[in-house]
Amino acid sequence: MSTSTPAQQSSIRPLSSFRVHGGLVYVSGQVGVADGKIVEGFEAQTRLTFENLRSVLKQGGSSLDKVIKCGCFIRDKKYADEFNRLYADYFAPGPYPARTTLIAGPSTDAVLVEIEAIAAIA
């Protein structure tokens, strides 16, 4: 099973927003985009990124509480503490997913955070 979110349907990138295989849903990197526009500010972008992740997980038959592993990409180290606080909000009370976080520039300068995930099917 594979699908695209509205934001990715207009993208020229060859990708699916998620794929399901072997009882797992693999979610491509999600960003803080609404109505085709990247929201401003790190907290707003991160919260919207998590909401977009939640939506794609639901489409794939899963949810945030079933996430096994996250790959997180943040633009600048100065956002690390704020990201950890927001990440904890979405996965509280735990157990937290396994996670890799890289300080790296996502594909567009305006994107401050991107999150990909692997989750069990609910």
PDB file of N, CA and C in Angstrom:
ATOM      1  N   MET A   1       0.854  -1.170   0.000  1.00  0.00           N
ATOM      2  CA  MET A   1       0.000   0.000   0.000  1.00  0.00           C
ATOM      3  C   MET A   1       0.894   1.224   0.000  1.00  0.00           C
ATOM      4  N   SER A   2       0.547   2.227  -0.738  1.00  0.00           N
ATOM      5  CA  SER A   2       1.309   3.453  -0.830  1.00  0.00           C
ATOM      6  C   SER A   2       0.342   4.580  -1.151  1.00  0.00           C
ATOM      7  N   THR A   3       0.640   5.736  -0.654  1.00  0.00           N
ATOM      8  CA  THR A   3      -0.212   6.894  -0.934  1.00  0.00           C
ATOM      9  C   THR A   3       0.611   8.158  -0.811  1.00  0.00           C
ATOM     10  N   SER A   4       0.031   9.252  -1.204  1.00  0.00           N
ATOM     11  CA  SER A   4       0.675  10.555  -1.076  1.00  0.00           C
ATOM     12  C   SER A   4      -0.259  11.509  -0.370  1.00  0.00           C
ATOM     13  N   THR A   5       0.328  12.369   0.451  1.00  0.00           N
ATOM     14  CA  THR A   5      -0.468  13.407   1.089  1.00  0.00           C
ATOM     15  C   THR A   5      -0.665  14.533   0.080  1.00  0.00           C
ATOM     16  N   PRO A   6      -1.667  15.408   0.281  1.00  0.00           N
ATOM     17  CA  PRO A   6      -1.877  16.506  -0.664  1.00  0.00           C
ATOM     18  C   PRO A   6      -0.625  17.347  -0.873  1.00  0.00           C
ATOM     19  N   ALA A   7       0.137  17.602   0.194  1.00  0.00           N
ATOM     20  CA  ALA A   7       1.340  18.424   0.048  1.00  0.00           C
ATOM     21  C   ALA A   7       2.360  17.735  -0.854  1.00  0.00           C
ATOM     22  N   GLN A   8       2.422  16.413  -0.821  1.00  0.00           N
ATOM     23  CA  GLN A   8       3.395  15.706  -1.625  1.00  0.00           C
ATOM     24  C   GLN A   8       2.887  15.398  -3.021  1.00  0.00           C
ATOM     25  N   GLN A   9       1.596  15.452  -3.257  1.00  0.00           N
ATOM     26  CA  GLN A   9       1.061  15.200  -4.591  1.00  0.00           C
ATOM     27  C   GLN A   9       1.530  16.266  -5.565  1.00  0.00           C
ATOM     28  N   SER A  10       1.744  17.473  -5.079  1.00  0.00           N
ATOM     29  CA  SER A  10       2.181  18.543  -5.962  1.00  0.00           C
ATOM     30  C   SER A  10       3.704  18.579  -6.076  1.00  0.00           C
ATOM     31  N   SER A  11       4.380  17.735  -5.334  1.00  0.00           N
ATOM     32  CA  SER A  11       5.832  17.687  -5.336  1.00  0.00           C
ATOM     33  C   SER A  11       6.338  17.004  -6.601  1.00  0.00           C
ATOM     34  N   ILE A  12       7.505  17.423  -7.042  1.00  0.00           N
ATOM     35  CA  ILE A  12       8.125  16.761  -8.184  1.00  0.00           C
ATOM     36  C   ILE A  12       9.014  15.608  -7.730  1.00  0.00           C
ATOM     37  N   ARG A  13       9.110  15.403  -6.425  1.00  0.00           N
ATOM     38  CA  ARG A  13       9.958  14.336  -5.895  1.00  0.00           C
ATOM     39  C   ARG A  13       9.260  12.983  -6.040  1.00  0.00           C
ATOM     40  N   PRO A  14       9.993  11.988  -6.499  1.00  0.00           N
ATOM     41  CA  PRO A  14       9.405  10.654  -6.652  1.00  0.00           C
ATOM     42  C   PRO A  14       9.421   9.901  -5.317  1.00  0.00           C
ATOM     43  N   LEU A  15       8.348  10.042  -4.545  1.00  0.00           N
ATOM     44  CA  LEU A  15       8.273   9.368  -3.253  1.00  0.00           C
ATOM     45  C   LEU A  15       6.835   9.142  -2.863  1.00  0.00           C
ATOM     46  N   SER A  16       6.656   8.226  -1.927  1.00  0.00           N
ATOM     47  CA  SER A  16       5.350   7.983  -1.313  1.00  0.00           C
ATOM     48  C   SER A  16       5.410   8.555   0.092  1.00  0.00           C
ATOM     49  N   SER A  17       4.316   9.047   0.589  1.00  0.00           N
ATOM     50  CA  SER A  17       4.324   9.571   1.954  1.00  0.00           C
ATOM     51  C   SER A  17       4.467   8.446   2.961  1.00  0.00           C
ATOM     52  N   PHE A  18       4.006   7.235   2.586  1.00  0.00           N
ATOM     53  CA  PHE A  18       4.248   6.059   3.420  1.00  0.00           C
ATOM     54  C   PHE A  18       4.166   4.798   2.579  1.00  0.00           C
ATOM     55  N   ARG A  19       4.755   3.735   3.138  1.00  0.00           N
ATOM     56  CA  ARG A  19       4.642   2.397   2.567  1.00  0.00           C
ATOM     57  C   ARG A  19       4.410   1.430   3.721  1.00  0.00           C
ATOM     58  N   VAL A  20       3.630   0.399   3.480  1.00  0.00           N
ATOM     59  CA  VAL A  20       3.347  -0.626   4.478  1.00  0.00           C
ATOM     60  C   VAL A  20       3.973  -1.929   4.011  1.00  0.00           C
ATOM     61  N   HIS A  21       4.680  -2.583   4.927  1.00  0.00           N
ATOM     62  CA  HIS A  21       5.285  -3.876   4.608  1.00  0.00           C
ATOM     63  C   HIS A  21       5.565  -4.624   5.909  1.00  0.00           C
ATOM     64  N   GLY A  22       5.214  -5.893   5.939  1.00  0.00           N
ATOM     65  CA  GLY A  22       5.555  -6.736   7.063  1.00  0.00           C
ATOM     66  C   GLY A  22       5.035  -6.252   8.410  1.00  0.00           C
ATOM     67  N   GLY A  23       3.837  -5.686   8.423  1.00  0.00           N
ATOM     68  CA  GLY A  23       3.260  -5.232   9.680  1.00  0.00           C
ATOM     69  C   GLY A  23       3.801  -3.910  10.180  1.00  0.00           C
ATOM     70  N   LEU A  24       4.557  -3.212   9.326  1.00  0.00           N
ATOM     71  CA  LEU A  24       5.121  -1.909   9.688  1.00  0.00           C
ATOM     72  C   LEU A  24       4.715  -0.864   8.662  1.00  0.00           C
ATOM     73  N   VAL A  25       4.619   0.366   9.104  1.00  0.00           N
ATOM     74  CA  VAL A  25       4.415   1.486   8.185  1.00  0.00           C
ATOM     75  C   VAL A  25       5.677   2.350   8.237  1.00  0.00           C
ATOM     76  N   TYR A  26       6.209   2.612   7.049  1.00  0.00           N
ATOM     77  CA  TYR A  26       7.412   3.426   6.890  1.00  0.00           C
ATOM     78  C   TYR A  26       6.971   4.784   6.364  1.00  0.00           C
ATOM     79  N   VAL A  27       7.212   5.831   7.129  1.00  0.00           N
ATOM     80  CA  VAL A  27       6.740   7.168   6.762  1.00  0.00           C
ATOM     81  C   VAL A  27       7.915   8.017   6.285  1.00  0.00           C
ATOM     82  N   SER A  28       7.764   8.580   5.096  1.00  0.00           N
ATOM     83  CA  SER A  28       8.769   9.505   4.572  1.00  0.00           C
ATOM     84  C   SER A  28       8.841  10.750   5.443  1.00  0.00           C
ATOM     85  N   GLY A  29       9.923  11.484   5.302  1.00  0.00           N
ATOM     86  CA  GLY A  29      10.112  12.699   6.086  1.00  0.00           C
ATOM     87  C   GLY A  29       8.946  13.659   5.949  1.00  0.00           C
ATOM     88  N   GLN A  30       8.433  14.081   7.094  1.00  0.00           N
ATOM     89  CA  GLN A  30       7.339  15.041   7.145  1.00  0.00           C
ATOM     90  C   GLN A  30       7.877  16.389   7.604  1.00  0.00           C
ATOM     91  N   VAL A  31       7.288  17.450   7.087  1.00  0.00           N
ATOM     92  CA  VAL A  31       7.694  18.806   7.446  1.00  0.00           C
ATOM     93  C   VAL A  31       6.461  19.625   7.833  1.00  0.00           C
ATOM     94  N   GLY A  32       6.704  20.818   8.314  1.00  0.00           N
ATOM     95  CA  GLY A  32       5.621  21.688   8.776  1.00  0.00           C
ATOM     96  C   GLY A  32       4.977  22.471   7.645  1.00  0.00           C
ATOM     97  N   VAL A  33       4.258  21.774   6.785  1.00  0.00           N
ATOM     98  CA  VAL A  33       3.586  22.390   5.642  1.00  0.00           C
ATOM     99  C   VAL A  33       2.079  22.284   5.834  1.00  0.00           C
ATOM    100  N   ALA A  34       1.402  23.404   5.603  1.00  0.00           N
ATOM    101  CA  ALA A  34      -0.064  23.443   5.606  1.00  0.00           C
ATOM    102  C   ALA A  34      -0.504  24.269   4.406  1.00  0.00           C
ATOM    103  N   ASP A  35      -1.445  23.744   3.682  1.00  0.00           N
ATOM    104  CA  ASP A  35      -1.960  24.433   2.493  1.00  0.00           C
ATOM    105  C   ASP A  35      -0.839  24.825   1.532  1.00  0.00           C
ATOM    106  N   GLY A  36       0.158  23.949   1.415  1.00  0.00           N
ATOM    107  CA  GLY A  36       1.256  24.184   0.484  1.00  0.00           C
ATOM    108  C   GLY A  36       2.292  25.183   0.943  1.00  0.00           C
ATOM    109  N   LYS A  37       2.184  25.671   2.183  1.00  0.00           N
ATOM    110  CA  LYS A  37       3.127  26.667   2.684  1.00  0.00           C
ATOM    111  C   LYS A  37       3.799  26.176   3.954  1.00  0.00           C
ATOM    112  N   ILE A  38       5.080  26.477   4.065  1.00  0.00           N
ATOM    113  CA  ILE A  38       5.836  26.125   5.261  1.00  0.00           C
ATOM    114  C   ILE A  38       5.527  27.170   6.330  1.00  0.00           C
ATOM    115  N   VAL A  39       5.089  26.710   7.504  1.00  0.00           N
ATOM    116  CA  VAL A  39       4.791  27.652   8.581  1.00  0.00           C
ATOM    117  C   VAL A  39       6.091  28.205   9.143  1.00  0.00           C
ATOM    118  N   GLU A  40       6.017  29.411   9.698  1.00  0.00           N
ATOM    119  CA  GLU A  40       7.207  30.070  10.238  1.00  0.00           C
ATOM    120  C   GLU A  40       7.372  29.765  11.709  1.00  0.00           C
ATOM    121  N   GLY A  41       8.626  29.743  12.142  1.00  0.00           N
ATOM    122  CA  GLY A  41       8.957  29.543  13.540  1.00  0.00           C
ATOM    123  C   GLY A  41       9.198  28.077  13.856  1.00  0.00           C
ATOM    124  N   PHE A  42      10.234  27.816  14.659  1.00  0.00           N
ATOM    125  CA  PHE A  42      10.613  26.443  14.939  1.00  0.00           C
ATOM    126  C   PHE A  42       9.525  25.667  15.674  1.00  0.00           C
ATOM    127  N   GLU A  43       8.942  26.232  16.725  1.00  0.00           N
ATOM    128  CA  GLU A  43       7.917  25.496  17.471  1.00  0.00           C
ATOM    129  C   GLU A  43       6.702  25.208  16.599  1.00  0.00           C
ATOM    130  N   ALA A  44       6.226  26.199  15.869  1.00  0.00           N
ATOM    131  CA  ALA A  44       5.058  25.997  15.006  1.00  0.00           C
ATOM    132  C   ALA A  44       5.347  24.944  13.942  1.00  0.00           C
ATOM    133  N   GLN A  45       6.533  24.999  13.339  1.00  0.00           N
ATOM    134  CA  GLN A  45       6.897  24.011  12.322  1.00  0.00           C
ATOM    135  C   GLN A  45       6.978  22.613  12.909  1.00  0.00           C
ATOM    136  N   THR A  46       7.572  22.512  14.096  1.00  0.00           N
ATOM    137  CA  THR A  46       7.731  21.194  14.720  1.00  0.00           C
ATOM    138  C   THR A  46       6.379  20.607  15.085  1.00  0.00           C
ATOM    139  N   ARG A  47       5.509  21.414  15.669  1.00  0.00           N
ATOM    140  CA  ARG A  47       4.176  20.914  16.032  1.00  0.00           C
ATOM    141  C   ARG A  47       3.403  20.470  14.785  1.00  0.00           C
ATOM    142  N   LEU A  48       3.453  21.262  13.729  1.00  0.00           N
ATOM    143  CA  LEU A  48       2.757  20.887  12.499  1.00  0.00           C
ATOM    144  C   LEU A  48       3.395  19.645  11.867  1.00  0.00           C
ATOM    145  N   THR A  49       4.697  19.530  11.967  1.00  0.00           N
ATOM    146  CA  THR A  49       5.380  18.333  11.471  1.00  0.00           C
ATOM    147  C   THR A  49       4.849  17.098  12.187  1.00  0.00           C
ATOM    148  N   PHE A  50       4.714  17.174  13.517  1.00  0.00           N
ATOM    149  CA  PHE A  50       4.170  16.037  14.270  1.00  0.00           C
ATOM    150  C   PHE A  50       2.707  15.767  13.903  1.00  0.00           C
ATOM    151  N   GLU A  51       1.938  16.804  13.674  1.00  0.00           N
ATOM    152  CA  GLU A  51       0.538  16.596  13.277  1.00  0.00           C
ATOM    153  C   GLU A  51       0.463  15.959  11.892  1.00  0.00           C
ATOM    154  N   ASN A  52       1.342  16.375  10.984  1.00  0.00           N
ATOM    155  CA  ASN A  52       1.388  15.746   9.663  1.00  0.00           C
ATOM    156  C   ASN A  52       1.836  14.288   9.776  1.00  0.00           C
ATOM    157  N   LEU A  53       2.803  14.025  10.645  1.00  0.00           N
ATOM    158  CA  LEU A  53       3.243  12.654  10.890  1.00  0.00           C
ATOM    159  C   LEU A  53       2.088  11.820  11.433  1.00  0.00           C
ATOM    160  N   ARG A  54       1.362  12.379  12.395  1.00  0.00           N
ATOM    161  CA  ARG A  54       0.207  11.675  12.965  1.00  0.00           C
ATOM    162  C   ARG A  54      -0.809  11.324  11.872  1.00  0.00           C
ATOM    163  N   SER A  55      -1.071  12.267  10.981  1.00  0.00           N
ATOM    164  CA  SER A  55      -2.035  12.061   9.904  1.00  0.00           C
ATOM    165  C   SER A  55      -1.594  10.956   8.942  1.00  0.00           C
ATOM    166  N   VAL A  56      -0.333  10.969   8.555  1.00  0.00           N
ATOM    167  CA  VAL A  56       0.161   9.950   7.628  1.00  0.00           C
ATOM    168  C   VAL A  56       0.182   8.583   8.299  1.00  0.00           C
ATOM    169  N   LEU A  57       0.570   8.536   9.580  1.00  0.00           N
ATOM    170  CA  LEU A  57       0.525   7.268  10.305  1.00  0.00           C
ATOM    171  C   LEU A  57      -0.893   6.700  10.320  1.00  0.00           C
ATOM    172  N   LYS A  58      -1.868   7.560  10.544  1.00  0.00           N
ATOM    173  CA  LYS A  58      -3.263   7.115  10.563  1.00  0.00           C
ATOM    174  C   LYS A  58      -3.656   6.540   9.204  1.00  0.00           C
ATOM    175  N   GLN A  59      -3.252   7.215   8.127  1.00  0.00           N
ATOM    176  CA  GLN A  59      -3.537   6.706   6.780  1.00  0.00           C
ATOM    177  C   GLN A  59      -2.933   5.319   6.572  1.00  0.00           C
ATOM    178  N   GLY A  60      -1.794   5.081   7.215  1.00  0.00           N
ATOM    179  CA  GLY A  60      -1.116   3.802   7.080  1.00  0.00           C
ATOM    180  C   GLY A  60      -1.558   2.764   8.089  1.00  0.00           C
ATOM    181  N   GLY A  61      -2.568   3.098   8.928  1.00  0.00           N
ATOM    182  CA  GLY A  61      -3.091   2.139   9.891  1.00  0.00           C
ATOM    183  C   GLY A  61      -2.349   2.106  11.208  1.00  0.00           C
ATOM    184  N   SER A  62      -1.666   3.191  11.551  1.00  0.00           N
ATOM    185  CA  SER A  62      -0.896   3.221  12.789  1.00  0.00           C
ATOM    186  C   SER A  62      -1.144   4.535  13.529  1.00  0.00           C
ATOM    187  N   SER A  63      -0.288   4.815  14.510  1.00  0.00           N
ATOM    188  CA  SER A  63      -0.433   6.026  15.319  1.00  0.00           C
ATOM    189  C   SER A  63       0.894   6.346  15.996  1.00  0.00           C
ATOM    190  N   LEU A  64       0.980   7.533  16.593  1.00  0.00           N
ATOM    191  CA  LEU A  64       2.218   7.941  17.256  1.00  0.00           C
ATOM    192  C   LEU A  64       2.633   6.976  18.363  1.00  0.00           C
ATOM    193  N   ASP A  65       1.658   6.403  19.064  1.00  0.00           N
ATOM    194  CA  ASP A  65       2.025   5.503  20.172  1.00  0.00           C
ATOM    195  C   ASP A  65       2.569   4.161  19.678  1.00  0.00           C
ATOM    196  N   LYS A  66       2.546   3.920  18.381  1.00  0.00           N
ATOM    197  CA  LYS A  66       3.086   2.685  17.799  1.00  0.00           C
ATOM    198  C   LYS A  66       4.424   2.914  17.093  1.00  0.00           C
ATOM    199  N   VAL A  67       4.947   4.151  17.168  1.00  0.00           N
ATOM    200  CA  VAL A  67       6.209   4.462  16.501  1.00  0.00           C
ATOM    201  C   VAL A  67       7.348   3.722  17.210  1.00  0.00           C
ATOM    202  N   ILE A  68       8.155   3.048  16.403  1.00  0.00           N
ATOM    203  CA  ILE A  68       9.290   2.274  16.895  1.00  0.00           C
ATOM    204  C   ILE A  68      10.582   3.069  16.767  1.00  0.00           C
ATOM    205  N   LYS A  69      10.714   3.808  15.661  1.00  0.00           N
ATOM    206  CA  LYS A  69      11.947   4.534  15.378  1.00  0.00           C
ATOM    207  C   LYS A  69      11.636   5.808  14.628  1.00  0.00           C
ATOM    208  N   CYS A  70      12.331   6.877  15.006  1.00  0.00           N
ATOM    209  CA  CYS A  70      12.233   8.160  14.302  1.00  0.00           C
ATOM    210  C   CYS A  70      13.610   8.574  13.810  1.00  0.00           C
ATOM    211  N   GLY A  71      13.623   9.170  12.648  1.00  0.00           N
ATOM    212  CA  GLY A  71      14.791   9.877  12.141  1.00  0.00           C
ATOM    213  C   GLY A  71      14.421  11.348  12.140  1.00  0.00           C
ATOM    214  N   CYS A  72      15.179  12.156  12.856  1.00  0.00           N
ATOM    215  CA  CYS A  72      14.850  13.580  13.024  1.00  0.00           C
ATOM    216  C   CYS A  72      15.994  14.426  12.484  1.00  0.00           C
ATOM    217  N   PHE A  73      15.638  15.434  11.737  1.00  0.00           N
ATOM    218  CA  PHE A  73      16.624  16.313  11.116  1.00  0.00           C
ATOM    219  C   PHE A  73      16.266  17.748  11.492  1.00  0.00           C
ATOM    220  N   ILE A  74      17.166  18.410  12.184  1.00  0.00           N
ATOM    221  CA  ILE A  74      16.917  19.806  12.541  1.00  0.00           C
ATOM    222  C   ILE A  74      18.012  20.681  11.933  1.00  0.00           C
ATOM    223  N   ARG A  75      17.604  21.870  11.525  1.00  0.00           N
ATOM    224  CA  ARG A  75      18.489  22.746  10.764  1.00  0.00           C
ATOM    225  C   ARG A  75      19.696  23.219  11.555  1.00  0.00           C
ATOM    226  N   ASP A  76      19.525  23.498  12.852  1.00  0.00           N
ATOM    227  CA  ASP A  76      20.589  24.124  13.624  1.00  0.00           C
ATOM    228  C   ASP A  76      20.591  23.576  15.048  1.00  0.00           C
ATOM    229  N   LYS A  77      21.772  23.398  15.592  1.00  0.00           N
ATOM    230  CA  LYS A  77      21.927  22.877  16.955  1.00  0.00           C
ATOM    231  C   LYS A  77      21.204  23.747  17.983  1.00  0.00           C
ATOM    232  N   LYS A  78      21.037  25.029  17.695  1.00  0.00           N
ATOM    233  CA  LYS A  78      20.375  25.924  18.648  1.00  0.00           C
ATOM    234  C   LYS A  78      18.932  25.494  18.935  1.00  0.00           C
ATOM    235  N   TYR A  79      18.352  24.653  18.067  1.00  0.00           N
ATOM    236  CA  TYR A  79      16.979  24.184  18.259  1.00  0.00           C
ATOM    237  C   TYR A  79      16.892  22.869  19.032  1.00  0.00           C
ATOM    238  N   ALA A  80      18.019  22.283  19.386  1.00  0.00           N
ATOM    239  CA  ALA A  80      18.031  20.930  19.961  1.00  0.00           C
ATOM    240  C   ALA A  80      17.214  20.822  21.251  1.00  0.00           C
ATOM    241  N   ASP A  81      17.401  21.719  22.197  1.00  0.00           N
ATOM    242  CA  ASP A  81      16.662  21.629  23.468  1.00  0.00           C
ATOM    243  C   ASP A  81      15.164  21.803  23.252  1.00  0.00           C
ATOM    244  N   GLU A  82      14.792  22.759  22.402  1.00  0.00           N
ATOM    245  CA  GLU A  82      13.373  22.978  22.119  1.00  0.00           C
ATOM    246  C   GLU A  82      12.783  21.755  21.405  1.00  0.00           C
ATOM    247  N   PHE A  83      13.542  21.176  20.487  1.00  0.00           N
ATOM    248  CA  PHE A  83      13.063  19.992  19.793  1.00  0.00           C
ATOM    249  C   PHE A  83      12.832  18.846  20.780  1.00  0.00           C
ATOM    250  N   ASN A  84      13.770  18.638  21.686  1.00  0.00           N
ATOM    251  CA  ASN A  84      13.619  17.562  22.670  1.00  0.00           C
ATOM    252  C   ASN A  84      12.369  17.758  23.522  1.00  0.00           C
ATOM    253  N   ARG A  85      12.084  18.993  23.906  1.00  0.00           N
ATOM    254  CA  ARG A  85      10.888  19.293  24.703  1.00  0.00           C
ATOM    255  C   ARG A  85       9.623  18.963  23.901  1.00  0.00           C
ATOM    256  N   LEU A  86       9.565  19.401  22.656  1.00  0.00           N
ATOM    257  CA  LEU A  86       8.395  19.165  21.825  1.00  0.00           C
ATOM    258  C   LEU A  86       8.245  17.678  21.494  1.00  0.00           C
ATOM    259  N   TYR A  87       9.343  17.012  21.206  1.00  0.00           N
ATOM    260  CA  TYR A  87       9.333  15.579  20.929  1.00  0.00           C
ATOM    261  C   TYR A  87       8.742  14.833  22.123  1.00  0.00           C
ATOM    262  N   ALA A  88       9.193  15.179  23.315  1.00  0.00           N
ATOM    263  CA  ALA A  88       8.691  14.541  24.535  1.00  0.00           C
ATOM    264  C   ALA A  88       7.186  14.764  24.688  1.00  0.00           C
ATOM    265  N   ASP A  89       6.699  15.941  24.324  1.00  0.00           N
ATOM    266  CA  ASP A  89       5.251  16.220  24.403  1.00  0.00           C
ATOM    267  C   ASP A  89       4.444  15.225  23.572  1.00  0.00           C
ATOM    268  N   TYR A  90       4.933  14.888  22.389  1.00  0.00           N
ATOM    269  CA  TYR A  90       4.177  14.027  21.485  1.00  0.00           C
ATOM    270  C   TYR A  90       4.301  12.539  21.814  1.00  0.00           C
ATOM    271  N   PHE A  91       5.349  12.172  22.534  1.00  0.00           N
ATOM    272  CA  PHE A  91       5.533  10.759  22.847  1.00  0.00           C
ATOM    273  C   PHE A  91       5.398  10.448  24.339  1.00  0.00           C
ATOM    274  N   ALA A  92       5.015  11.433  25.147  1.00  0.00           N
ATOM    275  CA  ALA A  92       4.832  11.217  26.583  1.00  0.00           C
ATOM    276  C   ALA A  92       3.652  10.299  26.810  1.00  0.00           C
ATOM    277  N   PRO A  93       3.622   9.464  27.790  1.00  0.00           N
ATOM    278  CA  PRO A  93       4.642   9.356  28.843  1.00  0.00           C
ATOM    279  C   PRO A  93       5.750   8.369  28.502  1.00  0.00           C
ATOM    280  N   GLY A  94       5.841   7.929  27.277  1.00  0.00           N
ATOM    281  CA  GLY A  94       6.872   6.961  26.910  1.00  0.00           C
ATOM    282  C   GLY A  94       6.274   5.564  26.923  1.00  0.00           C
ATOM    283  N   PRO A  95       6.972   4.540  26.597  1.00  0.00           N
ATOM    284  CA  PRO A  95       8.389   4.606  26.242  1.00  0.00           C
ATOM    285  C   PRO A  95       8.588   5.348  24.916  1.00  0.00           C
ATOM    286  N   TYR A  96       9.704   6.052  24.847  1.00  0.00           N
ATOM    287  CA  TYR A  96       9.997   6.823  23.646  1.00  0.00           C
ATOM    288  C   TYR A  96      10.512   5.904  22.540  1.00  0.00           C
ATOM    289  N   PRO A  97      10.245   6.268  21.283  1.00  0.00           N
ATOM    290  CA  PRO A  97      10.794   5.483  20.176  1.00  0.00           C
ATOM    291  C   PRO A  97      12.322   5.587  20.152  1.00  0.00           C
ATOM    292  N   ALA A  98      12.967   4.592  19.558  1.00  0.00           N
ATOM    293  CA  ALA A  98      14.386   4.741  19.240  1.00  0.00           C
ATOM    294  C   ALA A  98      14.490   5.940  18.300  1.00  0.00           C
ATOM    295  N   ARG A  99      15.621   6.640  18.355  1.00  0.00           N
ATOM    296  CA  ARG A  99      15.683   7.882  17.587  1.00  0.00           C
ATOM    297  C   ARG A  99      17.111   8.206  17.175  1.00  0.00           C
ATOM    298  N   THR A 100      17.232   8.718  15.972  1.00  0.00           N
ATOM    299  CA  THR A 100      18.462   9.329  15.504  1.00  0.00           C
ATOM    300  C   THR A 100      18.122  10.778  15.182  1.00  0.00           C
ATOM    301  N   THR A 101      18.932  11.699  15.677  1.00  0.00           N
ATOM    302  CA  THR A 101      18.724  13.113  15.378  1.00  0.00           C
ATOM    303  C   THR A 101      19.998  13.660  14.761  1.00  0.00           C
ATOM    304  N   LEU A 102      19.846  14.279  13.613  1.00  0.00           N
ATOM    305  CA  LEU A 102      20.983  14.881  12.922  1.00  0.00           C
ATOM    306  C   LEU A 102      20.768  16.375  12.785  1.00  0.00           C
ATOM    307  N   ILE A 103      21.844  17.107  12.938  1.00  0.00           N
ATOM    308  CA  ILE A 103      21.820  18.527  12.610  1.00  0.00           C
ATOM    309  C   ILE A 103      22.174  18.585  11.127  1.00  0.00           C
ATOM    310  N   ALA A 104      21.188  18.866  10.320  1.00  0.00           N
ATOM    311  CA  ALA A 104      21.366  18.820   8.873  1.00  0.00           C
ATOM    312  C   ALA A 104      20.350  19.737   8.218  1.00  0.00           C
ATOM    313  N   GLY A 105      20.684  20.251   7.085  1.00  0.00           N
ATOM    314  CA  GLY A 105      19.758  21.108   6.372  1.00  0.00           C
ATOM    315  C   GLY A 105      18.787  20.307   5.540  1.00  0.00           C
ATOM    316  N   PRO A 106      17.485  20.331   5.905  1.00  0.00           N
ATOM    317  CA  PRO A 106      16.490  19.701   5.039  1.00  0.00           C
ATOM    318  C   PRO A 106      16.524  20.314   3.643  1.00  0.00           C
ATOM    319  N   SER A 107      15.719  19.811   2.760  1.00  0.00           N
ATOM    320  CA  SER A 107      15.810  20.139   1.337  1.00  0.00           C
ATOM    321  C   SER A 107      15.534  21.600   0.978  1.00  0.00           C
ATOM    322  N   THR A 108      14.859  22.333   1.833  1.00  0.00           N
ATOM    323  CA  THR A 108      14.522  23.731   1.564  1.00  0.00           C
ATOM    324  C   THR A 108      14.967  24.581   2.742  1.00  0.00           C
ATOM    325  N   ASP A 109      15.543  25.734   2.482  1.00  0.00           N
ATOM    326  CA  ASP A 109      16.062  26.585   3.560  1.00  0.00           C
ATOM    327  C   ASP A 109      15.017  26.942   4.605  1.00  0.00           C
ATOM    328  N   ALA A 110      13.760  27.095   4.208  1.00  0.00           N
ATOM    329  CA  ALA A 110      12.708  27.486   5.147  1.00  0.00           C
ATOM    330  C   ALA A 110      12.312  26.346   6.084  1.00  0.00           C
ATOM    331  N   VAL A 111      12.669  25.113   5.729  1.00  0.00           N
ATOM    332  CA  VAL A 111      12.336  23.961   6.568  1.00  0.00           C
ATOM    333  C   VAL A 111      13.364  23.853   7.682  1.00  0.00           C
ATOM    334  N   LEU A 112      12.872  23.912   8.930  1.00  0.00           N
ATOM    335  CA  LEU A 112      13.747  23.859  10.099  1.00  0.00           C
ATOM    336  C   LEU A 112      13.794  22.481  10.737  1.00  0.00           C
ATOM    337  N   VAL A 113      12.817  21.640  10.426  1.00  0.00           N
ATOM    338  CA  VAL A 113      12.746  20.309  11.017  1.00  0.00           C
ATOM    339  C   VAL A 113      12.056  19.350  10.048  1.00  0.00           C
ATOM    340  N   GLU A 114      12.512  18.109  10.047  1.00  0.00           N
ATOM    341  CA  GLU A 114      11.891  17.054   9.255  1.00  0.00           C
ATOM    342  C   GLU A 114      11.951  15.769  10.076  1.00  0.00           C
ATOM    343  N   ILE A 115      10.863  14.987  10.056  1.00  0.00           N
ATOM    344  CA  ILE A 115      10.811  13.754  10.839  1.00  0.00           C
ATOM    345  C   ILE A 115      10.283  12.624   9.964  1.00  0.00           C
ATOM    346  N   GLU A 116      11.004  11.496   9.988  1.00  0.00           N
ATOM    347  CA  GLU A 116      10.544  10.269   9.354  1.00  0.00           C
ATOM    348  C   GLU A 116      10.337   9.241  10.453  1.00  0.00           C
ATOM    349  N   ALA A 117       9.547   8.210  10.179  1.00  0.00           N
ATOM    350  CA  ALA A 117       9.242   7.254  11.230  1.00  0.00           C
ATOM    351  C   ALA A 117       8.950   5.866  10.677  1.00  0.00           C
ATOM    352  N   ILE A 118       9.152   4.889  11.544  1.00  0.00           N
ATOM    353  CA  ILE A 118       8.740   3.515  11.304  1.00  0.00           C
ATOM    354  C   ILE A 118       7.838   3.143  12.474  1.00  0.00           C
ATOM    355  N   ALA A 119       6.652   2.612  12.163  1.00  0.00           N
ATOM    356  CA  ALA A 119       5.686   2.292  13.217  1.00  0.00           C
ATOM    357  C   ALA A 119       5.036   0.947  12.957  1.00  0.00           C
ATOM    358  N   ALA A 120       4.623   0.319  14.040  1.00  0.00           N
ATOM    359  CA  ALA A 120       3.846  -0.921  13.934  1.00  0.00           C
ATOM    360  C   ALA A 120       2.441  -0.576  13.478  1.00  0.00           C
ATOM    361  N   ILE A 121       1.820  -1.511  12.768  1.00  0.00           N
ATOM    362  CA  ILE A 121       0.430  -1.316  12.384  1.00  0.00           C
ATOM    363  C   ILE A 121      -0.435  -1.541  13.629  1.00  0.00           C
ATOM    364  N   ALA A 122      -1.353  -0.604  13.869  1.00  0.00           N
ATOM    365  CA  ALA A 122      -2.190  -0.667  15.074  1.00  0.00           C
ATOM    366  C   ALA A 122      -3.149  -1.831  15.019  1.00  0.00           C
TER     367      ALA A 122
END
